[in-house]
Amino acid sequence: MVRLSVNVNKIATLRNARGGNNPNVVQVAQDCERFGAQGITVHPRPDERHIRYADALALKKVVATEFNIEGYPDERYLRLVNETRPDQATLVPDGPHVLTSDAGWDTVKHHPFLSEVIAELKKSAGRVSVFVDADPRMVEGAKKAGADRIELYTEPYASAFHTDREKAIAPYVKAAAEAHAIGLGINAGHDLDLHNLKFLAQRIPQLDEVSIGHALICDALYYGLENTIQLYLRQLKG
C-alpha cells in the first residue's frame, strides 16, 4: 500500500495568523498519526511563514512514523537536517520567495550541486528524495546525483486530470517506470486530492509514498481530520 505522509504546513499557517499555539502543530501531527497517517511532512521556508524551524525540531521528538523535511538545500536547511536527522530529506528547487513549489529540479543542469548536497545529506537523513518533473531524463539525473528516491511533481497531472486523465497520467507512468528500472523509490506530491489520487495510485503501481497537505487540510474543514485521513487512505488502497 502507498504510504500517506501528511504535510502540516497549513496547520502552522492557521496558527501563525493569530500567534500563540492554537492549533498546536505538534499535537495535530500526532493526531494525524493516530488517525492512520504513515508519515509527517514539513517544508520550512526562510521567512517561516508557516512551519518554523523550531517546529521541525519539536516534531522530530514526537513523530513516531516517518518524518520528512522538504526544502531548498541552503545552509540553514542543511543544518536543520543535520540536527533533526529525519527519515527523509526531500530537495525542492524553490527560491526563498516562491509561494509554493512550481517545478522540479533540472537534475542534469544542477548535477554537480545536487551530487554534493545529496552526499552531505546522506550523513544525517535516512534517505534523500529529489523533486522532479515527470521526465525520464530528470529521473535518471536524480539517480546519477545519488538520490534514493524521486518525488514526482504532480501539479500538471492534477491540472489536466478532469480534461483527459489518460493524457495527464501518461508522462508519470513513463517516468515512474524509468525510476523503478534504475532502482529509485517513487514519491509523488502537489495538488493531489480525493478526486485524482486513486487514479494516480492505480496507474503507478511502483508508487511508495504521497505527500499531501493543502487539499487534505481543506477537506478536513468539512469532513473532520480523522475522517479525512481515512478517506485519503481508502483512495490509496485501489
Protein backbone atom coordinates (compact mmCIF):
# COMPACT_ATOMS: atom_id res chain seq x y z
CA MET A 1 0.00 0.00 0.00
CA VAL A 2 1.16 3.52 -0.79
CA ARG A 3 2.10 5.45 2.33
CA LEU A 4 0.33 8.72 3.14
CA SER A 5 2.51 11.48 4.57
CA VAL A 6 0.51 14.48 5.80
CA ASN A 7 2.08 17.88 5.24
CA VAL A 8 1.18 20.02 8.26
CA ASN A 9 2.32 23.38 6.86
CA LYS A 10 -1.25 24.67 6.62
CA ILE A 11 -1.82 23.95 10.31
CA ALA A 12 1.12 26.23 11.05
CA THR A 13 -0.30 28.88 8.70
CA LEU A 14 -3.52 28.93 10.71
CA ARG A 15 -1.62 29.12 13.99
CA ASN A 16 0.59 31.94 12.78
CA ALA A 17 -2.42 34.01 11.73
CA ARG A 18 -3.21 34.75 15.38
CA GLY A 19 0.02 33.98 17.20
CA GLY A 20 0.07 31.69 20.21
CA ASN A 21 -0.10 27.96 19.73
CA ASN A 22 -3.61 27.22 18.53
CA PRO A 23 -3.81 24.95 16.63
CA ASN A 24 -0.87 23.10 18.10
CA VAL A 25 1.21 21.79 15.18
CA VAL A 26 2.86 19.06 17.23
CA GLN A 27 -0.46 17.80 18.59
CA VAL A 28 -2.06 17.82 15.14
CA ALA A 29 0.86 15.82 13.73
CA GLN A 30 0.48 13.24 16.49
CA ASP A 31 -3.26 13.11 15.84
CA CYS A 32 -2.64 12.55 12.11
CA GLU A 33 -0.51 9.55 13.01
CA ARG A 34 -3.12 8.30 15.45
CA PHE A 35 -5.76 8.61 12.70
CA GLY A 36 -3.71 6.46 10.31
CA ALA A 37 -1.18 8.66 8.52
CA GLN A 38 2.10 6.86 7.92
CA GLY A 39 4.27 9.96 7.86
CA ILE A 40 4.51 13.67 8.61
CA THR A 41 5.97 16.19 6.17
CA VAL A 42 7.07 19.77 6.77
CA HIS A 43 8.54 22.36 4.42
CA PRO A 44 10.04 25.21 6.43
CA ARG A 45 10.87 28.32 4.42
CA PRO A 46 13.37 31.03 5.31
CA ASP A 47 10.64 33.56 6.24
CA GLU A 48 8.91 30.94 8.46
CA ARG A 49 5.53 31.98 7.08
CA HIS A 50 4.10 28.63 8.11
CA ILE A 51 6.30 25.88 9.59
CA ARG A 52 9.07 27.30 11.74
CA TYR A 53 12.44 25.70 12.15
CA ALA A 54 11.58 25.29 15.84
CA ASP A 55 8.54 23.24 14.77
CA ALA A 56 10.78 20.82 12.90
CA LEU A 57 12.91 20.36 16.00
CA ALA A 58 9.84 19.78 18.17
CA LEU A 59 8.26 17.37 15.69
CA LYS A 60 11.37 15.25 15.45
CA LYS A 61 10.97 14.43 19.15
CA VAL A 62 7.46 13.05 18.77
CA VAL A 63 6.84 11.79 15.22
CA ALA A 64 6.58 8.03 15.53
CA THR A 65 6.03 7.13 11.88
CA GLU A 66 8.23 8.76 9.24
CA PHE A 67 9.47 12.34 9.36
CA ASN A 68 10.11 14.09 6.03
CA ILE A 69 11.65 17.56 5.78
CA GLU A 70 11.34 19.29 2.43
CA GLY A 71 13.28 22.35 1.41
CA TYR A 72 15.78 24.13 -0.74
CA PRO A 73 19.24 22.94 0.32
CA ASP A 74 20.69 26.18 1.61
CA GLU A 75 22.96 26.27 4.65
CA ARG A 76 20.07 26.59 7.10
CA TYR A 77 18.27 23.59 5.63
CA LEU A 78 21.43 21.50 5.78
CA ARG A 79 21.93 22.44 9.43
CA LEU A 80 18.32 21.58 10.23
CA VAL A 81 18.61 18.14 8.65
CA ASN A 82 21.87 17.55 10.44
CA GLU A 83 20.26 18.45 13.76
CA THR A 84 16.96 16.59 13.32
CA ARG A 85 18.20 13.57 11.34
CA PRO A 86 14.83 12.95 9.62
CA ASP A 87 13.83 9.72 7.95
CA GLN A 88 13.73 11.54 4.62
CA ALA A 89 15.08 14.80 3.23
CA THR A 90 13.30 15.99 0.09
CA LEU A 91 15.09 18.56 -2.05
CA VAL A 92 13.00 21.15 -3.87
CA PRO A 93 14.35 23.86 -6.19
CA ASP A 94 12.22 26.71 -4.80
CA GLY A 95 13.83 30.05 -4.13
CA PRO A 96 13.00 31.83 -0.84
CA HIS A 97 10.20 33.97 -2.31
CA VAL A 98 8.31 31.24 -4.18
CA LEU A 99 4.76 30.89 -2.83
CA THR A 100 4.61 27.14 -3.45
CA SER A 101 6.58 24.59 -5.44
CA ASP A 102 6.05 25.09 -9.17
CA ALA A 103 8.69 22.94 -10.90
CA GLY A 104 11.07 20.08 -10.35
CA TRP A 105 14.86 20.16 -10.41
CA ASP A 106 16.78 20.18 -13.64
CA THR A 107 18.93 17.33 -12.41
CA VAL A 108 21.16 17.44 -15.48
CA LYS A 109 21.99 21.14 -15.27
CA HIS A 110 22.41 21.06 -11.49
CA HIS A 111 24.18 17.69 -11.28
CA PRO A 112 27.36 18.95 -9.55
CA PHE A 113 25.38 20.89 -6.93
CA LEU A 114 22.91 18.09 -6.25
CA SER A 115 25.63 15.45 -6.05
CA GLU A 116 27.47 17.45 -3.40
CA VAL A 117 24.33 18.23 -1.40
CA ILE A 118 22.97 14.68 -1.51
CA ALA A 119 26.28 13.25 -0.33
CA GLU A 120 26.21 15.67 2.60
CA LEU A 121 22.57 14.95 3.48
CA LYS A 122 23.10 11.19 3.49
CA LYS A 123 25.24 11.66 6.57
CA SER A 124 22.14 12.77 8.50
CA ALA A 125 18.94 11.72 6.69
CA GLY A 126 17.66 8.19 6.34
CA ARG A 127 17.24 8.77 2.61
CA VAL A 128 17.23 11.63 0.14
CA SER A 129 14.46 12.33 -2.37
CA VAL A 130 14.64 14.83 -5.24
CA PHE A 131 11.58 16.71 -6.51
CA VAL A 132 11.41 16.28 -10.30
CA ASP A 133 9.09 16.76 -13.24
CA ALA A 134 7.72 13.69 -15.00
CA ASP A 135 10.67 13.46 -17.37
CA PRO A 136 12.81 10.30 -17.60
CA ARG A 137 15.92 12.45 -18.16
CA MET A 138 15.34 14.23 -14.86
CA VAL A 139 14.70 10.90 -13.16
CA GLU A 140 17.96 9.49 -14.50
CA GLY A 141 19.77 12.66 -13.40
CA ALA A 142 18.46 12.22 -9.86
CA LYS A 143 19.87 8.70 -9.78
CA LYS A 144 23.24 9.85 -11.08
CA ALA A 145 23.34 12.55 -8.40
CA GLY A 146 22.96 9.90 -5.70
CA ALA A 147 19.28 10.20 -4.74
CA ASP A 148 17.44 7.31 -3.12
CA ARG A 149 14.04 8.42 -4.35
CA ILE A 150 12.32 10.94 -6.57
CA GLU A 151 9.17 12.88 -5.80
CA LEU A 152 7.14 13.42 -8.94
CA TYR A 153 5.76 16.96 -9.17
CA THR A 154 2.07 16.26 -9.82
CA GLU A 155 0.56 19.73 -10.38
CA PRO A 156 0.48 19.27 -14.19
CA TYR A 157 -1.28 15.93 -13.71
CA ALA A 158 -3.81 17.45 -11.32
CA SER A 159 -4.49 20.40 -13.64
CA ALA A 160 -5.18 18.17 -16.65
CA PHE A 161 -6.91 15.33 -14.80
CA HIS A 162 -10.52 16.44 -15.36
CA THR A 163 -9.92 17.17 -19.05
CA ASP A 164 -8.11 13.99 -20.12
CA ARG A 165 -6.90 11.75 -17.33
CA GLU A 166 -5.16 9.30 -19.64
CA LYS A 167 -3.14 12.04 -21.28
CA ALA A 168 -2.45 13.60 -17.87
CA ILE A 169 -1.07 10.40 -16.35
CA ALA A 170 0.95 9.19 -19.35
CA PRO A 171 4.24 11.04 -18.63
CA TYR A 172 4.07 10.00 -14.97
CA VAL A 173 3.69 6.33 -15.87
CA LYS A 174 6.74 6.63 -18.14
CA ALA A 175 8.82 8.50 -15.55
CA ALA A 176 7.86 6.04 -12.81
CA ALA A 177 8.81 3.08 -15.00
CA GLU A 178 12.23 4.64 -15.56
CA ALA A 179 12.69 5.27 -11.84
CA HIS A 180 11.73 1.71 -10.97
CA ALA A 181 14.03 0.30 -13.64
CA ILE A 182 17.07 2.11 -12.26
CA GLY A 183 16.33 1.38 -8.61
CA LEU A 184 14.82 4.64 -7.37
CA GLY A 185 11.93 4.78 -4.94
CA ILE A 186 8.95 6.84 -6.09
CA ASN A 187 7.07 9.52 -4.17
CA ALA A 188 4.54 12.00 -5.51
CA GLY A 189 3.06 15.26 -4.38
CA HIS A 190 1.44 18.60 -5.18
CA ASP A 191 -2.26 19.23 -5.80
CA LEU A 192 -3.22 15.62 -5.17
CA ASP A 193 -6.72 15.31 -3.73
CA LEU A 194 -9.68 12.97 -3.27
CA HIS A 195 -10.59 13.27 -6.95
CA ASN A 196 -7.30 12.45 -8.64
CA LEU A 197 -5.38 10.39 -6.08
CA LYS A 198 -6.90 6.96 -6.67
CA PHE A 199 -6.25 7.03 -10.42
CA LEU A 200 -2.63 8.04 -9.86
CA ALA A 201 -2.06 5.21 -7.40
CA GLN A 202 -3.72 2.67 -9.71
CA ARG A 203 -1.69 3.66 -12.73
CA ILE A 204 1.65 3.85 -10.91
CA PRO A 205 1.86 0.57 -9.01
CA GLN A 206 5.50 1.30 -8.08
CA LEU A 207 4.46 4.33 -6.01
CA ASP A 208 5.87 4.30 -2.48
CA GLU A 209 4.51 7.46 -0.88
CA VAL A 210 2.39 10.56 -1.44
CA SER A 211 2.80 13.79 0.48
CA ILE A 212 -0.42 15.79 0.76
CA GLY A 213 -1.14 18.93 2.71
CA HIS A 214 -3.28 21.71 1.25
CA ALA A 215 -6.15 19.64 -0.14
CA LEU A 216 -6.23 17.31 2.85
CA ILE A 217 -6.44 20.15 5.35
CA CYS A 218 -9.13 21.87 3.26
CA ASP A 219 -11.15 18.65 3.19
CA ALA A 220 -10.72 18.32 6.95
CA LEU A 221 -12.67 21.56 7.41
CA TYR A 222 -15.71 19.75 6.04
CA TYR A 223 -15.17 16.12 6.99
CA GLY A 224 -13.03 16.35 10.12
CA LEU A 225 -9.37 15.41 10.30
CA GLU A 226 -9.76 11.77 11.32
CA ASN A 227 -12.38 11.04 8.68
CA THR A 228 -10.42 12.88 6.00
CA ILE A 229 -7.26 10.88 6.61
CA GLN A 230 -9.30 7.68 6.32
CA LEU A 231 -10.82 8.93 3.06
CA TYR A 232 -7.35 9.53 1.60
CA LEU A 233 -6.10 6.16 2.78
CA ARG A 234 -9.03 4.49 1.03
CA GLN A 235 -8.06 6.14 -2.24
CA LEU A 236 -4.59 4.62 -1.91
CA LYS A 237 -5.91 1.11 -1.39
CA GLY A 238 -7.08 0.97 -5.00
